[in-house]
PDB file of N, CA and C in Angstrom:
ATOM      1  N   UNK A   1       0.730  -0.931   0.016  1.00  0.00           N
ATOM      2  CA  UNK A   1      -0.109  -0.362  -0.159  1.00  0.00           C
ATOM      3  C   UNK A   1       1.116   1.199   0.131  1.00  0.00           C
ATOM      4  N   UNK A   2       0.286   2.074  -0.756  1.00  0.00           N
ATOM      5  CA  UNK A   2       1.603   3.478  -0.793  1.00  0.00           C
ATOM      6  C   UNK A   2       1.228   4.420   0.160  1.00  0.00           C
ATOM      7  N   UNK A   3       2.373   4.432   0.354  1.00  0.00           N
ATOM      8  CA  UNK A   3       2.111   6.448   1.981  1.00  0.00           C
ATOM      9  C   UNK A   3       1.636   7.016   1.723  1.00  0.00           C
ATOM     10  N   UNK A   4       1.168   7.945   2.851  1.00  0.00           N
ATOM     11  CA  UNK A   4       0.296   9.421   2.300  1.00  0.00           C
ATOM     12  C   UNK A   4       1.734  10.237   3.139  1.00  0.00           C
ATOM     13  N   UNK A   5       2.086  10.516   2.557  1.00  0.00           N
ATOM     14  CA  UNK A   5       3.139  12.214   2.611  1.00  0.00           C
ATOM     15  C   UNK A   5       2.957  13.389   2.737  1.00  0.00           C
ATOM     16  N   UNK A   6       3.937  13.558   3.053  1.00  0.00           N
ATOM     17  CA  UNK A   6       3.229  15.390   3.531  1.00  0.00           C
ATOM     18  C   UNK A   6       3.784  16.017   2.186  1.00  0.00           C
ATOM     19  N   UNK A   7       3.643  16.600   1.102  1.00  0.00           N
ATOM     20  CA  UNK A   7       3.624  17.526   0.220  1.00  0.00           C
ATOM     21  C   UNK A   7       4.763  18.518   0.302  1.00  0.00           C
ATOM     22  N   UNK A   8       5.396  17.954   0.050  1.00  0.00           N
ATOM     23  CA  UNK A   8       6.922  19.438  -0.635  1.00  0.00           C
ATOM     24  C   UNK A   8       6.232  20.010  -1.472  1.00  0.00           C
ATOM     25  N   UNK A   9       5.917  22.031  -1.257  1.00  0.00           N
ATOM     26  CA  UNK A   9       5.205  22.443  -1.932  1.00  0.00           C
ATOM     27  C   UNK A   9       5.209  23.405  -0.942  1.00  0.00           C
ATOM     28  N   UNK A  10       5.663  24.592  -1.546  1.00  0.00           N
ATOM     29  CA  UNK A  10       5.894  25.664  -1.160  1.00  0.00           C
ATOM     30  C   UNK A  10       4.508  26.937  -1.062  1.00  0.00           C
ATOM     31  N   UNK A  11       3.319  25.963  -1.685  1.00  0.00           N
ATOM     32  CA  UNK A  11       2.094  26.424  -1.728  1.00  0.00           C
ATOM     33  C   UNK A  11       1.364  25.772  -0.384  1.00  0.00           C
ATOM     34  N   UNK A  12       1.984  24.607   0.051  1.00  0.00           N
ATOM     35  CA  UNK A  12       1.025  24.372   1.357  1.00  0.00           C
ATOM     36  C   UNK A  12       1.372  24.813   2.697  1.00  0.00           C
ATOM     37  N   UNK A  13       0.796  26.441   2.789  1.00  0.00           N
ATOM     38  CA  UNK A  13       0.735  27.223   3.392  1.00  0.00           C
ATOM     39  C   UNK A  13       0.005  26.323   5.427  1.00  0.00           C
ATOM     40  N   UNK A  14      -0.040  27.195   6.166  1.00  0.00           N
ATOM     41  CA  UNK A  14      -0.307  27.292   7.255  1.00  0.00           C
ATOM     42  C   UNK A  14      -1.999  26.799   7.227  1.00  0.00           C
ATOM     43  N   UNK A  15      -2.424  27.944   6.678  1.00  0.00           N
ATOM     44  CA  UNK A  15      -3.733  27.881   6.263  1.00  0.00           C
ATOM     45  C   UNK A  15      -4.322  26.927   5.312  1.00  0.00           C
ATOM     46  N   UNK A  16      -3.663  26.463   4.160  1.00  0.00           N
ATOM     47  CA  UNK A  16      -4.025  24.951   3.667  1.00  0.00           C
ATOM     48  C   UNK A  16      -4.093  24.258   4.496  1.00  0.00           C
ATOM     49  N   UNK A  17      -2.735  23.499   5.655  1.00  0.00           N
ATOM     50  CA  UNK A  17      -3.383  23.097   6.302  1.00  0.00           C
ATOM     51  C   UNK A  17      -4.104  22.822   7.192  1.00  0.00           C
ATOM     52  N   UNK A  18      -4.258  23.937   8.110  1.00  0.00           N
ATOM     53  CA  UNK A  18      -5.918  24.263   9.161  1.00  0.00           C
ATOM     54  C   UNK A  18      -6.949  24.376   7.909  1.00  0.00           C
ATOM     55  N   UNK A  19      -7.028  24.628   6.807  1.00  0.00           N
ATOM     56  CA  UNK A  19      -8.274  24.244   5.699  1.00  0.00           C
ATOM     57  C   UNK A  19      -8.514  23.240   5.764  1.00  0.00           C
ATOM     58  N   UNK A  20      -7.441  22.026   5.475  1.00  0.00           N
ATOM     59  CA  UNK A  20      -7.532  20.451   5.022  1.00  0.00           C
ATOM     60  C   UNK A  20      -8.202  19.790   6.580  1.00  0.00           C
ATOM     61  N   UNK A  21      -7.692  20.288   7.644  1.00  0.00           N
ATOM     62  CA  UNK A  21      -7.584  19.503   9.238  1.00  0.00           C
ATOM     63  C   UNK A  21      -9.379  20.425   9.086  1.00  0.00           C
ATOM     64  N   UNK A  22      -9.563  21.510   9.029  1.00  0.00           N
ATOM     65  CA  UNK A  22     -10.880  22.163   9.229  1.00  0.00           C
ATOM     66  C   UNK A  22     -12.485  21.295   8.834  1.00  0.00           C
ATOM     67  N   UNK A  23     -12.259  20.808   7.104  1.00  0.00           N
ATOM     68  CA  UNK A  23     -13.294  21.327   6.287  1.00  0.00           C
ATOM     69  C   UNK A  23     -13.005  19.454   6.202  1.00  0.00           C
ATOM     70  N   UNK A  24     -12.255  18.942   5.936  1.00  0.00           N
ATOM     71  CA  UNK A  24     -11.858  17.410   5.697  1.00  0.00           C
ATOM     72  C   UNK A  24     -12.624  16.267   6.379  1.00  0.00           C
ATOM     73  N   UNK A  25     -13.482  16.798   7.207  1.00  0.00           N
ATOM     74  CA  UNK A  25     -14.092  16.470   8.429  1.00  0.00           C
ATOM     75  C   UNK A  25     -15.687  16.410   8.645  1.00  0.00           C
ATOM     76  N   UNK A  26     -16.608  15.408   8.421  1.00  0.00           N
ATOM     77  CA  UNK A  26     -17.727  16.055   8.238  1.00  0.00           C
ATOM     78  C   UNK A  26     -18.896  16.314   9.235  1.00  0.00           C
ATOM     79  N   UNK A  27     -17.960  15.785  10.377  1.00  0.00           N
ATOM     80  CA  UNK A  27     -18.477  16.526  11.480  1.00  0.00           C
ATOM     81  C   UNK A  27     -18.131  17.228  11.699  1.00  0.00           C
ATOM     82  N   UNK A  28     -17.092  17.847  11.613  1.00  0.00           N
ATOM     83  CA  UNK A  28     -16.687  19.688  11.728  1.00  0.00           C
ATOM     84  C   UNK A  28     -17.849  20.366  10.680  1.00  0.00           C
ATOM     85  N   UNK A  29     -17.294  19.856   9.951  1.00  0.00           N
ATOM     86  CA  UNK A  29     -18.202  20.502   8.885  1.00  0.00           C
ATOM     87  C   UNK A  29     -20.150  20.870   9.241  1.00  0.00           C
ATOM     88  N   UNK A  30     -20.179  19.777   9.698  1.00  0.00           N
ATOM     89  CA  UNK A  30     -21.791  19.432  10.920  1.00  0.00           C
ATOM     90  C   UNK A  30     -22.038  21.084  11.620  1.00  0.00           C
ATOM     91  N   UNK A  31     -21.151  20.771  12.092  1.00  0.00           N
ATOM     92  CA  UNK A  31     -21.019  21.792  13.567  1.00  0.00           C
ATOM     93  C   UNK A  31     -20.613  22.964  12.908  1.00  0.00           C
ATOM     94  N   UNK A  32     -19.794  23.499  12.291  1.00  0.00           N
ATOM     95  CA  UNK A  32     -19.927  24.862  11.540  1.00  0.00           C
ATOM     96  C   UNK A  32     -21.433  25.246  10.560  1.00  0.00           C
ATOM     97  N   UNK A  33     -21.545  24.280  10.246  1.00  0.00           N
ATOM     98  CA  UNK A  33     -22.987  24.598   9.677  1.00  0.00           C
ATOM     99  C   UNK A  33     -24.466  24.874  10.433  1.00  0.00           C
ATOM    100  N   UNK A  34     -24.454  24.203  10.988  1.00  0.00           N
ATOM    101  CA  UNK A  34     -25.319  24.450  12.443  1.00  0.00           C
ATOM    102  C   UNK A  34     -24.982  25.425  13.076  1.00  0.00           C
ATOM    103  N   UNK A  35     -23.425  26.031  13.866  1.00  0.00           N
ATOM    104  CA  UNK A  35     -23.214  27.668  14.512  1.00  0.00           C
ATOM    105  C   UNK A  35     -23.569  28.574  13.078  1.00  0.00           C
ATOM    106  N   UNK A  36     -23.568  28.390  12.189  1.00  0.00           N
ATOM    107  CA  UNK A  36     -23.499  29.154  11.438  1.00  0.00           C
ATOM    108  C   UNK A  36     -25.292  29.714  10.821  1.00  0.00           C
ATOM    109  N   UNK A  37     -25.984  28.504  11.171  1.00  0.00           N
ATOM    110  CA  UNK A  37     -27.882  28.832  10.702  1.00  0.00           C
ATOM    111  C   UNK A  37     -28.080  28.763  12.538  1.00  0.00           C
ATOM    112  N   UNK A  38     -27.376  28.766  13.500  1.00  0.00           N
ATOM    113  CA  UNK A  38     -28.343  29.214  14.462  1.00  0.00           C
ATOM    114  C   UNK A  38     -27.355  30.167  15.632  1.00  0.00           C
ATOM    115  N   UNK A  39     -26.216  30.408  14.679  1.00  0.00           N
ATOM    116  CA  UNK A  39     -25.832  31.279  16.347  1.00  0.00           C
ATOM    117  C   UNK A  39     -24.756  30.407  17.466  1.00  0.00           C
ATOM    118  N   UNK A  40     -24.446  31.691  18.462  1.00  0.00           N
ATOM    119  CA  UNK A  40     -23.735  30.899  19.663  1.00  0.00           C
ATOM    120  C   UNK A  40     -24.421  29.718  20.006  1.00  0.00           C
ATOM    121  N   UNK A  41     -23.467  28.587  20.420  1.00  0.00           N
ATOM    122  CA  UNK A  41     -24.494  27.783  21.245  1.00  0.00           C
ATOM    123  C   UNK A  41     -23.498  27.131  22.073  1.00  0.00           C
ATOM    124  N   UNK A  42     -24.143  26.216  23.306  1.00  0.00           N
ATOM    125  CA  UNK A  42     -23.087  25.763  23.646  1.00  0.00           C
ATOM    126  C   UNK A  42     -23.006  24.282  23.450  1.00  0.00           C
ATOM    127  N   UNK A  43     -21.835  23.455  24.291  1.00  0.00           N
ATOM    128  CA  UNK A  43     -21.880  22.295  23.295  1.00  0.00           C
ATOM    129  C   UNK A  43     -22.980  21.250  23.627  1.00  0.00           C
ATOM    130  N   UNK A  44     -23.776  21.362  24.745  1.00  0.00           N
ATOM    131  CA  UNK A  44     -24.245  20.144  24.503  1.00  0.00           C
ATOM    132  C   UNK A  44     -25.655  20.513  23.585  1.00  0.00           C
ATOM    133  N   UNK A  45     -25.884  21.408  23.789  1.00  0.00           N
ATOM    134  CA  UNK A  45     -27.020  21.796  22.150  1.00  0.00           C
ATOM    135  C   UNK A  45     -26.521  21.455  20.869  1.00  0.00           C
ATOM    136  N   UNK A  46     -24.317  21.512  20.698  1.00  0.00           N
ATOM    137  CA  UNK A  46     -24.478  20.977  19.406  1.00  0.00           C
ATOM    138  C   UNK A  46     -24.354  19.960  19.515  1.00  0.00           C
ATOM    139  N   UNK A  47     -23.535  19.073  20.319  1.00  0.00           N
ATOM    140  CA  UNK A  47     -24.147  17.966  20.353  1.00  0.00           C
ATOM    141  C   UNK A  47     -25.584  17.159  19.886  1.00  0.00           C
ATOM    142  N   UNK A  48     -26.337  17.858  20.845  1.00  0.00           N
ATOM    143  CA  UNK A  48     -27.890  17.356  20.507  1.00  0.00           C
ATOM    144  C   UNK A  48     -28.187  17.802  19.013  1.00  0.00           C
ATOM    145  N   UNK A  49     -27.381  18.251  18.016  1.00  0.00           N
ATOM    146  CA  UNK A  49     -28.186  18.864  17.050  1.00  0.00           C
ATOM    147  C   UNK A  49     -27.384  18.306  15.912  1.00  0.00           C
ATOM    148  N   UNK A  50     -26.276  17.748  16.108  1.00  0.00           N
ATOM    149  CA  UNK A  50     -25.014  17.063  15.245  1.00  0.00           C
ATOM    150  C   UNK A  50     -25.160  15.899  14.865  1.00  0.00           C
ATOM    151  N   UNK A  51     -24.332  14.808  14.018  1.00  0.00           N
ATOM    152  CA  UNK A  51     -24.729  13.293  14.196  1.00  0.00           C
ATOM    153  C   UNK A  51     -23.315  12.759  14.733  1.00  0.00           C
ATOM    154  N   UNK A  52     -23.054  13.359  16.223  1.00  0.00           N
ATOM    155  CA  UNK A  52     -21.680  13.301  16.815  1.00  0.00           C
ATOM    156  C   UNK A  52     -22.145  13.477  19.028  1.00  0.00           C
ATOM    157  N   UNK A  53     -21.588  11.666  18.819  1.00  0.00           N
ATOM    158  CA  UNK A  53     -21.573  12.409  20.438  1.00  0.00           C
ATOM    159  C   UNK A  53     -20.909  13.584  21.581  1.00  0.00           C
ATOM    160  N   UNK A  54     -21.158  14.147  22.349  1.00  0.00           N
ATOM    161  CA  UNK A  54     -20.593  15.223  23.260  1.00  0.00           C
ATOM    162  C   UNK A  54     -19.016  15.355  22.921  1.00  0.00           C
ATOM    163  N   UNK A  55     -18.796  14.325  23.788  1.00  0.00           N
ATOM    164  CA  UNK A  55     -17.176  13.651  23.710  1.00  0.00           C
ATOM    165  C   UNK A  55     -16.238  14.315  22.106  1.00  0.00           C
ATOM    166  N   UNK A  56     -16.645  13.525  20.741  1.00  0.00           N
ATOM    167  CA  UNK A  56     -16.383  13.849  19.593  1.00  0.00           C
ATOM    168  C   UNK A  56     -16.527  15.306  19.186  1.00  0.00           C
ATOM    169  N   UNK A  57     -17.934  15.890  20.143  1.00  0.00           N
ATOM    170  CA  UNK A  57     -17.865  16.992  19.316  1.00  0.00           C
ATOM    171  C   UNK A  57     -17.293  17.800  20.393  1.00  0.00           C
ATOM    172  N   UNK A  58     -16.938  17.798  21.473  1.00  0.00           N
ATOM    173  CA  UNK A  58     -15.754  18.539  22.246  1.00  0.00           C
ATOM    174  C   UNK A  58     -14.411  18.650  21.439  1.00  0.00           C
ATOM    175  N   UNK A  59     -13.919  17.015  21.130  1.00  0.00           N
ATOM    176  CA  UNK A  59     -12.993  16.921  20.073  1.00  0.00           C
ATOM    177  C   UNK A  59     -12.637  17.661  19.090  1.00  0.00           C
ATOM    178  N   UNK A  60     -13.919  17.931  17.858  1.00  0.00           N
ATOM    179  CA  UNK A  60     -13.825  18.774  16.890  1.00  0.00           C
ATOM    180  C   UNK A  60     -13.821  20.137  17.548  1.00  0.00           C
ATOM    181  N   UNK A  61     -14.236  20.404  18.146  1.00  0.00           N
ATOM    182  CA  UNK A  61     -14.344  22.468  18.562  1.00  0.00           C
ATOM    183  C   UNK A  61     -13.302  22.201  18.968  1.00  0.00           C
ATOM    184  N   UNK A  62     -12.326  21.353  19.736  1.00  0.00           N
ATOM    185  CA  UNK A  62     -11.141  21.890  19.657  1.00  0.00           C
ATOM    186  C   UNK A  62     -10.091  22.458  18.464  1.00  0.00           C
ATOM    187  N   UNK A  63     -10.084  21.535  17.942  1.00  0.00           N
ATOM    188  CA  UNK A  63      -9.681  21.470  16.325  1.00  0.00           C
ATOM    189  C   UNK A  63     -10.296  22.576  16.005  1.00  0.00           C
ATOM    190  N   UNK A  64     -11.450  23.161  15.899  1.00  0.00           N
ATOM    191  CA  UNK A  64     -12.134  24.255  14.644  1.00  0.00           C
ATOM    192  C   UNK A  64     -11.513  25.427  15.902  1.00  0.00           C
ATOM    193  N   UNK A  65     -11.617  25.267  16.942  1.00  0.00           N
ATOM    194  CA  UNK A  65     -11.177  27.033  17.918  1.00  0.00           C
ATOM    195  C   UNK A  65      -9.607  27.117  17.760  1.00  0.00           C
ATOM    196  N   UNK A  66      -8.948  25.761  17.244  1.00  0.00           N
ATOM    197  CA  UNK A  66      -7.608  25.926  17.226  1.00  0.00           C
ATOM    198  C   UNK A  66      -7.451  26.538  15.597  1.00  0.00           C
ATOM    199  N   UNK A  67      -7.470  26.016  14.139  1.00  0.00           N
ATOM    200  CA  UNK A  67      -8.138  26.585  13.068  1.00  0.00           C
ATOM    201  C   UNK A  67      -8.103  28.088  13.293  1.00  0.00           C
ATOM    202  N   UNK A  68      -9.500  28.615  14.036  1.00  0.00           N
ATOM    203  CA  UNK A  68     -10.024  29.904  14.070  1.00  0.00           C
ATOM    204  C   UNK A  68     -11.292  29.986  13.733  1.00  0.00           C
ATOM    205  N   UNK A  69     -11.692  28.777  12.766  1.00  0.00           N
ATOM    206  CA  UNK A  69     -13.045  28.697  12.451  1.00  0.00           C
ATOM    207  C   UNK A  69     -14.047  28.885  13.097  1.00  0.00           C
ATOM    208  N   UNK A  70     -14.082  28.659  14.780  1.00  0.00           N
ATOM    209  CA  UNK A  70     -14.804  28.477  15.672  1.00  0.00           C
ATOM    210  C   UNK A  70     -14.383  29.952  16.587  1.00  0.00           C
ATOM    211  N   UNK A  71     -15.438  30.589  17.225  1.00  0.00           N
ATOM    212  CA  UNK A  71     -14.830  30.934  18.435  1.00  0.00           C
ATOM    213  C   UNK A  71     -15.682  31.238  20.045  1.00  0.00           C
ATOM    214  N   UNK A  72     -14.469  31.164  20.850  1.00  0.00           N
ATOM    215  CA  UNK A  72     -15.493  30.938  21.826  1.00  0.00           C
ATOM    216  C   UNK A  72     -15.710  32.021  23.151  1.00  0.00           C
ATOM    217  N   UNK A  73     -16.670  32.168  23.912  1.00  0.00           N
ATOM    218  CA  UNK A  73     -16.945  33.745  24.454  1.00  0.00           C
ATOM    219  C   UNK A  73     -15.874  33.029  26.374  1.00  0.00           C
ATOM    220  N   UNK A  74     -15.361  31.887  26.353  1.00  0.00           N
ATOM    221  CA  UNK A  74     -14.774  31.706  27.182  1.00  0.00           C
ATOM    222  C   UNK A  74     -12.927  31.499  27.286  1.00  0.00           C
ATOM    223  N   UNK A  75     -12.073  32.166  27.799  1.00  0.00           N
ATOM    224  CA  UNK A  75     -10.864  32.197  27.454  1.00  0.00           C
ATOM    225  C   UNK A  75     -10.781  31.020  27.872  1.00  0.00           C
ATOM    226  N   UNK A  76      -9.838  29.392  27.468  1.00  0.00           N
ATOM    227  CA  UNK A  76      -9.474  28.424  27.625  1.00  0.00           C
ATOM    228  C   UNK A  76      -9.105  28.152  29.562  1.00  0.00           C
ATOM    229  N   UNK A  77      -8.334  28.785  29.742  1.00  0.00           N
ATOM    230  CA  UNK A  77      -8.001  28.793  31.052  1.00  0.00           C
ATOM    231  C   UNK A  77      -9.324  28.765  32.034  1.00  0.00           C
ATOM    232  N   UNK A  78     -10.471  29.344  31.803  1.00  0.00           N
ATOM    233  CA  UNK A  78     -11.285  29.751  32.668  1.00  0.00           C
ATOM    234  C   UNK A  78     -12.641  29.017  32.509  1.00  0.00           C
ATOM    235  N   UNK A  79     -12.480  28.155  31.671  1.00  0.00           N
ATOM    236  CA  UNK A  79     -13.640  27.103  31.401  1.00  0.00           C
ATOM    237  C   UNK A  79     -14.430  26.043  32.460  1.00  0.00           C
ATOM    238  N   UNK A  80     -13.953  25.956  33.494  1.00  0.00           N
ATOM    239  CA  UNK A  80     -13.742  24.629  34.097  1.00  0.00           C
ATOM    240  C   UNK A  80     -15.394  25.469  35.361  1.00  0.00           C
ATOM    241  N   UNK A  81     -16.858  24.449  34.769  1.00  0.00           N
ATOM    242  CA  UNK A  81     -17.688  24.379  35.941  1.00  0.00           C
ATOM    243  C   UNK A  81     -18.033  25.958  35.224  1.00  0.00           C
ATOM    244  N   UNK A  82     -17.965  26.822  33.963  1.00  0.00           N
ATOM    245  CA  UNK A  82     -19.022  27.521  33.020  1.00  0.00           C
ATOM    246  C   UNK A  82     -19.116  26.633  31.802  1.00  0.00           C
ATOM    247  N   UNK A  83     -20.438  27.189  30.955  1.00  0.00           N
ATOM    248  CA  UNK A  83     -20.731  26.413  29.893  1.00  0.00           C
ATOM    249  C   UNK A  83     -20.360  27.399  28.640  1.00  0.00           C
ATOM    250  N   UNK A  84     -19.224  27.301  28.120  1.00  0.00           N
ATOM    251  CA  UNK A  84     -18.754  27.973  26.845  1.00  0.00           C
ATOM    252  C   UNK A  84     -19.845  28.339  25.846  1.00  0.00           C
ATOM    253  N   UNK A  85     -19.952  29.189  25.424  1.00  0.00           N
ATOM    254  CA  UNK A  85     -21.174  29.262  23.843  1.00  0.00           C
ATOM    255  C   UNK A  85     -19.505  29.648  22.933  1.00  0.00           C
ATOM    256  N   UNK A  86     -20.137  29.009  21.680  1.00  0.00           N
ATOM    257  CA  UNK A  86     -19.024  28.515  20.528  1.00  0.00           C
ATOM    258  C   UNK A  86     -19.976  29.343  19.171  1.00  0.00           C
ATOM    259  N   UNK A  87     -19.017  30.023  18.539  1.00  0.00           N
ATOM    260  CA  UNK A  87     -19.517  30.707  17.351  1.00  0.00           C
ATOM    261  C   UNK A  87     -18.648  30.309  16.182  1.00  0.00           C
ATOM    262  N   UNK A  88     -19.685  30.069  14.695  1.00  0.00           N
ATOM    263  CA  UNK A  88     -19.066  30.066  13.515  1.00  0.00           C
ATOM    264  C   UNK A  88     -18.185  31.398  13.397  1.00  0.00           C
ATOM    265  N   UNK A  89     -17.013  31.345  13.240  1.00  0.00           N
ATOM    266  CA  UNK A  89     -16.128  32.619  12.835  1.00  0.00           C
ATOM    267  C   UNK A  89     -16.191  33.080  11.086  1.00  0.00           C
ATOM    268  N   UNK A  90     -17.011  33.260  10.472  1.00  0.00           N
ATOM    269  CA  UNK A  90     -17.418  33.531   9.197  1.00  0.00           C
ATOM    270  C   UNK A  90     -16.353  34.148   8.165  1.00  0.00           C
ATOM    271  N   UNK A  91     -15.309  35.037   8.742  1.00  0.00           N
ATOM    272  CA  UNK A  91     -14.694  35.800   8.079  1.00  0.00           C
ATOM    273  C   UNK A  91     -13.236  34.818   8.472  1.00  0.00           C
ATOM    274  N   UNK A  92     -13.012  33.769   9.175  1.00  0.00           N
ATOM    275  CA  UNK A  92     -11.991  32.764   9.104  1.00  0.00           C
ATOM    276  C   UNK A  92     -11.888  31.978   8.557  1.00  0.00           C
ATOM    277  N   UNK A  93     -13.592  31.223   8.244  1.00  0.00           N
ATOM    278  CA  UNK A  93     -13.852  29.681   7.240  1.00  0.00           C
ATOM    279  C   UNK A  93     -14.182  30.734   5.837  1.00  0.00           C
ATOM    280  N   UNK A  94     -13.797  31.543   5.604  1.00  0.00           N
ATOM    281  CA  UNK A  94     -13.533  32.374   4.363  1.00  0.00           C
ATOM    282  C   UNK A  94     -12.589  32.120   4.199  1.00  0.00           C
ATOM    283  N   UNK A  95     -11.541  32.683   4.603  1.00  0.00           N
ATOM    284  CA  UNK A  95      -9.857  32.934   4.617  1.00  0.00           C
ATOM    285  C   UNK A  95      -9.375  31.458   4.292  1.00  0.00           C
ATOM    286  N   UNK A  96      -9.704  30.154   5.283  1.00  0.00           N
ATOM    287  CA  UNK A  96      -9.541  29.190   5.231  1.00  0.00           C
ATOM    288  C   UNK A  96      -9.756  28.446   3.714  1.00  0.00           C
ATOM    289  N   UNK A  97     -11.623  28.401   3.962  1.00  0.00           N
ATOM    290  CA  UNK A  97     -11.762  28.136   1.707  1.00  0.00           C
ATOM    291  C   UNK A  97     -10.954  29.026   1.026  1.00  0.00           C
ATOM    292  N   UNK A  98     -10.810  30.295   0.983  1.00  0.00           N
ATOM    293  CA  UNK A  98     -10.137  31.110   0.294  1.00  0.00           C
ATOM    294  C   UNK A  98      -8.289  30.126  -0.104  1.00  0.00           C
ATOM    295  N   UNK A  99      -7.856  30.053   0.810  1.00  0.00           N
ATOM    296  CA  UNK A  99      -6.924  29.177   0.668  1.00  0.00           C
ATOM    297  C   UNK A  99      -6.294  28.206   0.182  1.00  0.00           C
ATOM    298  N   UNK A 100      -7.113  27.340   0.881  1.00  0.00           N
ATOM    299  CA  UNK A 100      -7.352  26.104   0.496  1.00  0.00           C
ATOM    300  C   UNK A 100      -8.028  25.997  -1.113  1.00  0.00           C
ATOM    301  N   UNK A 101      -8.978  26.827  -1.589  1.00  0.00           N
ATOM    302  CA  UNK A 101      -8.872  26.944  -3.048  1.00  0.00           C
ATOM    303  C   UNK A 101      -7.987  27.114  -3.598  1.00  0.00           C
ATOM    304  N   UNK A 102      -7.393  28.546  -3.374  1.00  0.00           N
ATOM    305  CA  UNK A 102      -6.109  28.947  -4.068  1.00  0.00           C
ATOM    306  C   UNK A 102      -4.908  27.928  -4.811  1.00  0.00           C
ATOM    307  N   UNK A 103      -4.812  27.014  -3.294  1.00  0.00           N
ATOM    308  CA  UNK A 103      -3.603  25.784  -3.636  1.00  0.00           C
ATOM    309  C   UNK A 103      -4.058  24.900  -4.342  1.00  0.00           C
ATOM    310  N   UNK A 104      -5.691  24.358  -4.442  1.00  0.00           N
ATOM    311  CA  UNK A 104      -5.603  23.701  -5.579  1.00  0.00           C
ATOM    312  C   UNK A 104      -5.986  23.943  -7.245  1.00  0.00           C
ATOM    313  N   UNK A 105      -6.659  25.424  -6.923  1.00  0.00           N
ATOM    314  CA  UNK A 105      -6.827  25.775  -8.003  1.00  0.00           C
ATOM    315  C   UNK A 105      -5.682  26.636  -9.112  1.00  0.00           C
ATOM    316  N   UNK A 106      -4.380  26.834  -8.328  1.00  0.00           N
ATOM    317  CA  UNK A 106      -3.692  28.120  -8.936  1.00  0.00           C
ATOM    318  C   UNK A 106      -2.537  27.695  -8.925  1.00  0.00           C
ATOM    319  N   UNK A 107      -2.241  26.280  -8.643  1.00  0.00           N
ATOM    320  CA  UNK A 107      -1.274  25.558  -8.287  1.00  0.00           C
ATOM    321  C   UNK A 107      -0.266  24.981  -9.742  1.00  0.00           C
TER     322      UNK A 107
END
């Protein structure tokens, strides 16, 4: 079986890497779509509305937050005992999609 390798291409930027990580997973796309349509929501509300359990949603939200596609109203170190609300970062989503499109179509 062939090995999957990392591209050795200067056009493969951190934004392209983040776009692939962000949009290359169906659950993450469902979460972003839900947040875009419904506005800020708690992790429990998101889990109840998408086809993933709460532990999975928590994992996906961390990845989405790291890429900047999701914003959270409570800082990471202050979340214990609180119910943060997550929202889609439309500007960052568009930036990531543009970087991915540029990489794919203008190579």
